[in-house]
Amino acid sequence: MAYTEPVLTKRIPLDPAKRHPVWYDEYVATGGYAALRKAKGAGFDHLFLTGMIQHHNGALTMVKDLFDTAGAGQDADLFNFATDADNTQRAEIRIMQAMLEKKSLEEKR
């Protein structure tokens, strides 16, 4: 990450004081972490998975922002990293969505 961080931070808006994407503050501000800390069992699982899906969507937004920036992603290593991140995050989102659907079906029984 030492290589990609300087490149990505030039193109992706970060909160300069906290060094994370601005969308992260929304999750914290809306009580995402507080609710997760209090949750137990199936409620925890649901909050964890939905929070992780939101987190992964943030990564997809960052990759999109990178590739939507003229001249960005031209470096082969960065292009490969961002493309791999996009593919991996999409696959993991599908897995987590399937887990949520399975849990929902189990709860209806």
Protein backbone atom coordinates (compact mmCIF):
# COMPACT_ATOMS: atom_id res chain seq x y z
CA MET A 1 0.00 0.00 0.00
CA ALA A 2 2.96 2.32 0.43
CA TYR A 3 3.15 2.59 -3.36
CA THR A 4 -0.54 3.07 -4.08
CA GLU A 5 -1.50 5.33 -1.18
CA PRO A 6 0.23 8.47 -2.50
CA VAL A 7 -1.26 7.88 -5.95
CA LEU A 8 -4.76 7.19 -4.67
CA THR A 9 -4.82 10.06 -2.17
CA LYS A 10 -4.06 12.52 -4.94
CA ARG A 11 -7.30 11.50 -6.67
CA ILE A 12 -9.68 10.26 -3.95
CA PRO A 13 -11.01 12.83 -1.47
CA LEU A 14 -9.90 11.89 2.04
CA ASP A 15 -10.60 13.56 5.33
CA PRO A 16 -7.15 15.13 5.81
CA ALA A 17 -7.27 14.84 9.60
CA LYS A 18 -8.30 11.19 9.70
CA ARG A 19 -6.82 9.76 6.49
CA HIS A 20 -9.92 7.83 5.48
CA PRO A 21 -12.60 8.35 2.84
CA VAL A 22 -15.22 10.94 3.75
CA TRP A 23 -18.09 8.37 3.49
CA TYR A 24 -16.65 6.61 6.55
CA ASP A 25 -17.75 9.48 8.80
CA GLU A 26 -21.35 8.97 7.67
CA TYR A 27 -21.28 5.36 8.89
CA VAL A 28 -19.91 6.42 12.26
CA ALA A 29 -22.27 9.42 12.52
CA THR A 30 -25.35 7.32 11.79
CA GLY A 31 -24.51 4.99 14.65
CA GLY A 32 -23.13 2.11 12.62
CA TYR A 33 -20.33 1.22 15.01
CA ALA A 34 -22.32 1.94 18.15
CA ALA A 35 -25.13 -0.34 17.01
CA LEU A 36 -22.67 -3.08 16.06
CA ARG A 37 -21.03 -2.97 19.49
CA LYS A 38 -24.42 -3.46 21.18
CA ALA A 39 -25.74 -6.15 18.83
CA LYS A 40 -25.73 -9.87 19.55
CA GLY A 41 -26.40 -13.03 17.54
CA ALA A 42 -28.34 -12.68 14.30
CA GLY A 43 -28.66 -8.92 14.80
CA PHE A 44 -24.87 -8.62 14.95
CA ASP A 45 -24.50 -10.76 11.83
CA HIS A 46 -26.96 -8.59 9.92
CA LEU A 47 -25.33 -5.31 10.98
CA PHE A 48 -21.85 -6.65 10.32
CA LEU A 49 -22.71 -7.87 6.81
CA THR A 50 -24.63 -4.73 5.84
CA GLY A 51 -21.79 -2.58 7.20
CA MET A 52 -19.21 -4.57 5.28
CA ILE A 53 -21.27 -4.30 2.09
CA GLN A 54 -21.33 -0.52 2.59
CA HIS A 55 -17.57 -0.57 3.21
CA HIS A 56 -16.94 -2.61 0.05
CA ASN A 57 -19.18 -0.27 -1.95
CA GLY A 58 -16.95 2.55 -0.74
CA ALA A 59 -13.97 0.75 -2.26
CA LEU A 60 -15.88 0.40 -5.55
CA THR A 61 -16.61 4.13 -5.47
CA MET A 62 -12.92 4.85 -4.96
CA VAL A 63 -11.96 2.67 -7.94
CA LYS A 64 -14.64 4.33 -10.09
CA ASP A 65 -13.43 7.78 -9.04
CA LEU A 66 -9.88 6.77 -9.92
CA PHE A 67 -10.81 5.53 -13.40
CA ASP A 68 -13.18 8.46 -14.00
CA THR A 69 -10.25 10.87 -13.48
CA ALA A 70 -8.56 11.79 -16.75
CA GLY A 71 -5.09 10.25 -16.92
CA ALA A 72 -5.57 8.17 -13.76
CA GLY A 73 -4.85 4.46 -13.63
CA GLN A 74 -2.29 4.66 -16.43
CA ASP A 75 0.43 3.03 -14.35
CA ALA A 76 0.25 -0.75 -14.94
CA ASP A 77 0.70 -1.65 -11.25
CA LEU A 78 -1.98 0.77 -10.13
CA PHE A 79 -4.34 -0.32 -12.93
CA ASN A 80 -3.88 -3.98 -11.95
CA PHE A 81 -4.33 -3.20 -8.25
CA ALA A 82 -7.51 -1.17 -8.83
CA THR A 83 -8.97 -3.71 -11.24
CA ASP A 84 -8.25 -6.54 -8.81
CA ALA A 85 -9.77 -4.53 -5.95
CA ASP A 86 -12.90 -3.90 -8.03
CA ASN A 87 -13.29 -7.57 -8.97
CA THR A 88 -12.62 -8.81 -5.45
CA GLN A 89 -14.94 -6.32 -3.76
CA ARG A 90 -17.79 -7.16 -6.19
CA ALA A 91 -17.33 -10.90 -5.54
CA GLU A 92 -17.30 -10.40 -1.78
CA ILE A 93 -20.42 -8.20 -1.95
CA ARG A 94 -22.23 -11.00 -3.80
CA ILE A 95 -21.15 -13.49 -1.13
CA MET A 96 -22.33 -11.25 1.70
CA GLN A 97 -25.64 -10.53 -0.04
CA ALA A 98 -26.18 -14.28 -0.44
CA MET A 99 -25.44 -14.75 3.27
CA LEU A 100 -28.01 -12.08 4.15
CA GLU A 101 -30.60 -13.67 1.87
CA LYS A 102 -29.95 -17.11 3.39
CA LYS A 103 -30.30 -15.73 6.93
CA SER A 104 -33.51 -13.96 5.95
CA LEU A 105 -34.99 -17.16 4.54
CA GLU A 106 -33.95 -19.10 7.66
CA GLU A 107 -35.61 -16.52 9.91
CA LYS A 108 -38.89 -16.84 7.96
CA ARG A 109 -39.09 -20.58 8.73
